[in-house]
N, C-alpha and C. Protein backbone atom coordinates (compact mmCIF):
# COMPACT_ATOMS: atom_id res chain seq x y z
N MET A 1 1.59 20.39 99.85
CA MET A 1 2.85 21.54 99.68
C MET A 1 4.23 20.69 100.67
N LEU A 2 4.18 19.79 101.56
CA LEU A 2 4.98 19.02 102.17
C LEU A 2 5.89 18.02 101.78
N ALA A 3 5.09 17.10 101.03
CA ALA A 3 5.32 16.19 100.37
C ALA A 3 5.93 16.48 98.92
N MET A 4 6.09 17.89 98.56
CA MET A 4 6.97 19.00 96.96
C MET A 4 8.15 19.12 97.63
N PHE A 5 7.58 19.80 98.61
CA PHE A 5 8.79 20.24 99.70
C PHE A 5 9.73 19.09 100.11
N ILE A 6 9.32 18.02 100.70
CA ILE A 6 10.33 17.05 100.71
C ILE A 6 10.96 15.93 98.96
N LYS A 7 10.60 15.73 98.08
CA LYS A 7 10.97 15.74 97.42
C LYS A 7 12.05 16.51 96.19
N PHE A 8 11.83 17.88 96.72
CA PHE A 8 12.28 18.73 96.44
C PHE A 8 14.10 19.04 97.20
N PHE A 9 13.73 18.33 98.37
CA PHE A 9 14.29 18.96 99.32
C PHE A 9 15.87 17.27 99.25
N GLY A 10 14.93 16.14 98.82
CA GLY A 10 15.73 15.45 98.97
C GLY A 10 16.58 15.37 97.48
N ALA A 11 16.12 16.02 96.25
CA ALA A 11 16.94 15.64 94.84
C ALA A 11 18.36 16.72 95.27
N LEU A 12 17.55 17.42 96.04
CA LEU A 12 18.64 18.41 96.16
C LEU A 12 20.06 17.74 96.91
N VAL A 13 19.79 17.30 97.95
CA VAL A 13 20.80 16.81 98.73
C VAL A 13 21.31 15.74 97.53
N GLU A 14 21.02 14.71 97.13
CA GLU A 14 21.29 13.81 95.80
C GLU A 14 21.72 14.38 95.08
N LEU A 15 21.79 15.85 94.69
CA LEU A 15 23.10 16.56 93.94
C LEU A 15 23.89 17.30 94.19
N LEU A 16 23.84 17.40 95.55
CA LEU A 16 25.12 18.11 96.37
C LEU A 16 25.84 17.20 97.18
N SER A 17 25.29 15.73 97.36
CA SER A 17 25.94 15.05 97.91
C SER A 17 27.92 14.90 97.42
N PRO A 18 27.87 14.54 96.98
CA PRO A 18 29.41 14.63 96.05
C PRO A 18 29.80 15.75 97.00
N ILE A 19 29.16 17.20 96.66
CA ILE A 19 30.33 17.94 97.14
C ILE A 19 30.32 18.22 98.29
N PHE A 20 29.11 17.37 99.23
CA PHE A 20 29.25 17.57 100.31
C PHE A 20 30.46 16.48 101.29
N TRP A 21 30.59 15.53 100.44
CA TRP A 21 30.83 14.10 100.62
C TRP A 21 33.21 14.31 100.74
N ARG A 22 32.98 15.10 99.63
CA ARG A 22 34.18 15.65 98.89
C ARG A 22 35.66 15.32 100.23
N PRO A 23 35.51 16.19 101.20
CA PRO A 23 36.17 16.26 102.42
C PRO A 23 35.98 15.40 102.68
N PHE A 24 35.78 14.79 103.11
CA PHE A 24 35.17 13.51 104.60
C PHE A 24 35.92 12.38 103.69
N TRP A 25 35.68 12.79 102.53
CA TRP A 25 36.47 11.13 101.51
C TRP A 25 38.18 11.61 101.84
N MET A 26 38.60 12.83 101.37
CA MET A 26 39.85 13.14 102.05
C MET A 26 40.70 12.92 103.05
N THR A 27 39.27 12.77 104.13
CA THR A 27 40.53 12.88 105.28
C THR A 27 39.94 11.52 105.99
N TRP A 28 38.91 10.22 105.54
CA TRP A 28 38.69 9.55 106.47
C TRP A 28 39.29 8.13 105.52
N CYS A 29 39.22 8.56 104.02
CA CYS A 29 39.29 7.16 103.12
C CYS A 29 40.53 8.05 102.49
N PRO A 30 42.02 8.26 102.93
CA PRO A 30 43.52 8.21 102.27
C PRO A 30 43.59 7.30 100.99
N PRO A 31 44.20 7.76 99.86
CA PRO A 31 44.05 6.78 98.95
C PRO A 31 45.24 5.58 99.37
N GLY A 32 44.87 4.44 99.00
CA GLY A 32 45.48 3.00 99.42
C GLY A 32 44.75 2.61 100.59
N SER A 33 44.14 3.51 101.45
CA SER A 33 43.73 2.55 102.52
C SER A 33 42.33 2.01 102.24
N ARG A 34 42.13 0.46 102.28
CA ARG A 34 41.26 -0.39 101.97
C ARG A 34 40.35 -0.63 103.04
N ARG A 35 40.32 -0.13 104.40
CA ARG A 35 39.35 -0.27 105.40
C ARG A 35 38.71 1.39 105.37
N GLY A 36 39.39 2.61 104.97
CA GLY A 36 38.62 3.61 104.82
C GLY A 36 37.89 3.87 103.73
N ILE A 37 38.02 2.82 102.74
CA ILE A 37 37.10 2.86 101.71
C ILE A 37 36.02 1.82 101.82
N LEU A 38 35.86 0.56 102.40
CA LEU A 38 35.60 -0.06 102.87
C LEU A 38 34.47 0.63 103.80
N LEU A 39 34.66 1.34 104.62
CA LEU A 39 33.73 1.94 105.98
C LEU A 39 33.08 3.31 105.45
N THR A 40 33.79 3.57 104.51
CA THR A 40 32.58 5.52 103.84
C THR A 40 32.64 4.53 103.09
N GLY A 41 32.83 3.34 102.04
CA GLY A 41 31.60 3.37 100.74
C GLY A 41 30.20 2.30 101.58
N GLY A 42 30.45 1.52 103.12
CA GLY A 42 29.31 1.40 103.42
C GLY A 42 28.18 2.20 104.10
N ALA A 43 29.02 3.44 104.53
CA ALA A 43 28.67 4.27 105.31
C ALA A 43 27.73 4.97 104.12
N MET A 44 27.83 5.23 103.12
CA MET A 44 27.01 6.25 101.65
C MET A 44 26.34 4.91 101.46
N VAL A 45 26.52 3.54 101.14
CA VAL A 45 25.01 2.61 101.26
C VAL A 45 23.87 2.45 102.11
N LEU A 46 24.60 3.00 103.52
CA LEU A 46 24.12 2.68 104.63
C LEU A 46 22.81 4.25 104.39
N CYS A 47 23.62 5.15 104.30
CA CYS A 47 22.89 6.52 104.05
C CYS A 47 21.76 6.26 102.83
N ALA A 48 22.36 6.12 101.95
CA ALA A 48 21.41 5.84 100.47
C ALA A 48 20.11 4.87 100.38
N ALA A 49 20.27 4.04 101.72
CA ALA A 49 18.82 2.87 101.41
C ALA A 49 17.70 3.52 103.14
N LEU A 50 18.58 4.45 103.95
CA LEU A 50 18.01 4.77 105.08
C LEU A 50 16.65 6.24 104.07
N CYS A 51 17.47 6.72 103.11
CA CYS A 51 16.85 7.59 102.11
C CYS A 51 15.77 7.09 101.70
N VAL A 52 16.36 6.59 100.75
CA VAL A 52 15.23 6.03 99.63
C VAL A 52 13.81 4.95 100.19
N ASN A 53 13.97 3.97 101.48
CA ASN A 53 13.69 3.62 102.14
C ASN A 53 12.14 4.55 102.75
N THR A 54 12.29 5.72 103.48
CA THR A 54 12.41 6.38 104.59
C THR A 54 11.36 7.80 103.47
N ALA A 55 12.76 8.84 103.39
CA ALA A 55 12.04 9.91 102.41
C ALA A 55 11.67 9.77 101.62
N ASN A 56 11.99 8.59 100.84
CA ASN A 56 10.94 8.88 99.18
C ASN A 56 9.99 8.29 99.17
N ILE A 57 10.16 6.92 99.90
CA ILE A 57 8.68 6.64 100.06
C ILE A 57 7.12 7.61 100.69
N VAL A 58 7.74 8.07 101.99
CA VAL A 58 7.10 8.89 102.52
C VAL A 58 6.64 10.02 101.42
N ALA A 59 7.11 10.77 100.84
CA ALA A 59 7.16 11.77 100.43
C ALA A 59 6.41 11.52 98.97
N ASN A 60 6.08 10.26 98.53
CA ASN A 60 5.37 9.51 97.51
C ASN A 60 4.36 9.22 98.03
N ARG A 61 4.03 8.20 99.01
CA ARG A 61 2.92 8.02 99.52
C ARG A 61 1.93 9.46 99.85
N MET A 62 2.56 10.36 100.86
CA MET A 62 1.95 11.54 100.45
C MET A 62 1.49 12.53 99.14
N SER A 63 1.78 12.61 98.61
CA SER A 63 1.39 12.80 96.89
C SER A 63 0.61 11.98 96.32
N ALA A 64 0.76 10.99 96.91
CA ALA A 64 -0.74 10.19 96.03
C ALA A 64 -1.67 10.35 96.48
N ILE A 65 -1.42 10.36 98.34
CA ILE A 65 -3.22 10.90 98.64
C ILE A 65 -3.61 11.73 98.56
N SER A 66 -2.50 13.02 98.36
CA SER A 66 -3.10 14.24 97.68
C SER A 66 -3.66 14.05 96.77
N ALA A 67 -3.51 13.85 95.67
CA ALA A 67 -3.69 13.23 94.44
C ALA A 67 -4.74 13.29 93.96
N GLY A 68 -5.27 11.95 95.16
CA GLY A 68 -6.11 11.32 94.78
C GLY A 68 -7.65 12.19 96.05
N LYS A 69 -7.36 13.38 96.28
CA LYS A 69 -8.12 13.49 97.15
C LYS A 69 -8.32 14.96 96.40
N ILE A 70 -7.56 15.30 95.51
CA ILE A 70 -7.99 16.59 94.49
C ILE A 70 -8.41 15.98 93.40
N THR A 71 -8.45 14.80 92.87
CA THR A 71 -9.42 14.19 91.84
C THR A 71 -10.76 13.91 92.48
N LEU A 72 -11.00 13.35 93.58
CA LEU A 72 -12.34 13.06 94.28
C LEU A 72 -13.01 14.88 94.35
N VAL A 73 -12.63 15.62 94.47
CA VAL A 73 -12.91 17.08 94.40
C VAL A 73 -13.30 17.42 93.34
N LEU A 74 -12.71 17.53 92.32
CA LEU A 74 -12.92 17.92 91.04
C LEU A 74 -13.80 16.83 90.09
N ARG A 75 -13.61 15.43 90.61
CA ARG A 75 -14.64 14.76 90.08
C ARG A 75 -15.95 14.87 90.85
N HIS A 76 -16.61 15.45 91.66
CA HIS A 76 -17.84 15.52 92.72
C HIS A 76 -18.34 17.03 91.87
N ASP A 77 -17.44 18.11 91.78
CA ASP A 77 -17.59 19.29 91.23
C ASP A 77 -18.11 19.31 89.72
N LEU A 78 -17.42 18.32 89.24
CA LEU A 78 -17.73 18.05 87.17
C LEU A 78 -19.17 17.95 87.98
N PHE A 79 -19.36 16.48 87.91
CA PHE A 79 -20.43 15.86 87.96
C PHE A 79 -21.91 16.28 88.84
N GLN A 80 -21.48 17.78 89.56
CA GLN A 80 -22.55 18.72 89.80
C GLN A 80 -22.60 19.70 88.62
N ARG A 81 -21.91 20.31 88.54
CA ARG A 81 -22.15 20.97 87.77
C ARG A 81 -22.81 20.39 86.30
N LEU A 82 -22.34 19.06 85.74
CA LEU A 82 -22.79 18.92 84.99
C LEU A 82 -24.40 18.32 84.97
N ASP A 83 -24.96 18.18 86.47
CA ASP A 83 -26.30 17.38 87.07
C ASP A 83 -26.90 19.21 86.46
N ARG A 84 -26.45 20.13 87.24
CA ARG A 84 -27.15 20.81 87.45
C ARG A 84 -27.35 21.66 85.75
N LEU A 85 -26.71 21.34 85.02
CA LEU A 85 -26.36 21.61 83.23
C LEU A 85 -27.85 20.61 82.46
N LEU A 86 -27.91 19.27 83.31
CA LEU A 86 -28.96 18.48 82.55
C LEU A 86 -30.21 18.62 82.97
N ARG A 87 -29.81 19.23 83.96
CA ARG A 87 -31.68 19.07 84.51
C ARG A 87 -32.43 19.58 83.58
N PRO A 88 -32.88 20.66 82.81
CA PRO A 88 -33.75 21.33 82.27
C PRO A 88 -33.69 20.69 80.92
N ALA A 89 -32.59 19.75 80.46
CA ALA A 89 -32.97 18.87 79.41
C ALA A 89 -32.77 16.81 79.53
N ALA A 90 -33.59 17.08 80.83
CA ALA A 90 -33.70 16.05 81.26
C ALA A 90 -33.95 15.16 80.34
N GLY A 91 -35.14 15.40 78.84
CA GLY A 91 -35.58 14.67 78.44
C GLY A 91 -34.82 14.22 77.22
N ARG A 92 -34.10 14.48 77.19
CA ARG A 92 -32.45 14.64 75.87
C ARG A 92 -31.40 13.97 76.33
N ALA A 93 -30.54 14.30 77.70
CA ALA A 93 -29.70 14.14 77.59
C ALA A 93 -29.52 13.12 79.21
N ASP A 94 -28.99 12.27 79.57
CA ASP A 94 -28.55 11.51 80.55
C ASP A 94 -27.14 11.60 81.36
N LEU A 95 -26.66 11.95 82.42
CA LEU A 95 -25.30 11.70 82.85
C LEU A 95 -24.35 11.16 82.08
N PRO A 96 -24.94 10.17 81.81
CA PRO A 96 -23.74 8.65 81.33
C PRO A 96 -22.88 9.19 79.98
N SER A 97 -24.43 10.18 79.27
CA SER A 97 -24.18 10.64 77.44
C SER A 97 -23.24 11.95 77.97
N ALA A 98 -23.51 12.50 78.94
CA ALA A 98 -22.75 14.18 78.81
C ALA A 98 -21.28 13.96 79.08
N VAL A 99 -21.06 12.46 80.36
CA VAL A 99 -20.00 12.51 80.53
C VAL A 99 -19.31 11.66 78.70
N SER A 100 -19.65 10.30 78.47
CA SER A 100 -19.08 9.77 77.07
C SER A 100 -19.90 10.26 75.74
N PRO A 101 -19.04 10.50 75.03
CA PRO A 101 -19.88 10.76 73.71
C PRO A 101 -20.48 9.51 72.77
N SER A 102 -19.73 8.49 73.75
CA SER A 102 -19.99 7.60 72.55
C SER A 102 -21.10 6.33 73.30
N HIS A 103 -22.41 6.94 74.56
CA HIS A 103 -23.05 6.68 74.82
C HIS A 103 -24.07 7.38 73.97
N GLN A 104 -23.97 8.52 73.42
CA GLN A 104 -25.02 9.03 72.78
C GLN A 104 -25.80 8.46 71.19
């Protein structure tokens, strides 16, 4: 849940950043000021690099870990149910044939 919140917040910030940056652009970098343009652009590149390297990677790792845990639980549940279903019919089928129809 935290990873989803981080991803959502990151996407929202990326979409709304031009609205937030506009007032700063007008005061920090007046038209024709090369130094202001370079400083403001450098700050934007630095902020973007920090966001990509920290928030996005952390959220992706958290999502991958939670997806792996969910997949593991689902697999264990599936194989437990298949094992219970196949015990009475142990002579007719085994677990691999229940999982993959090509083994029958």
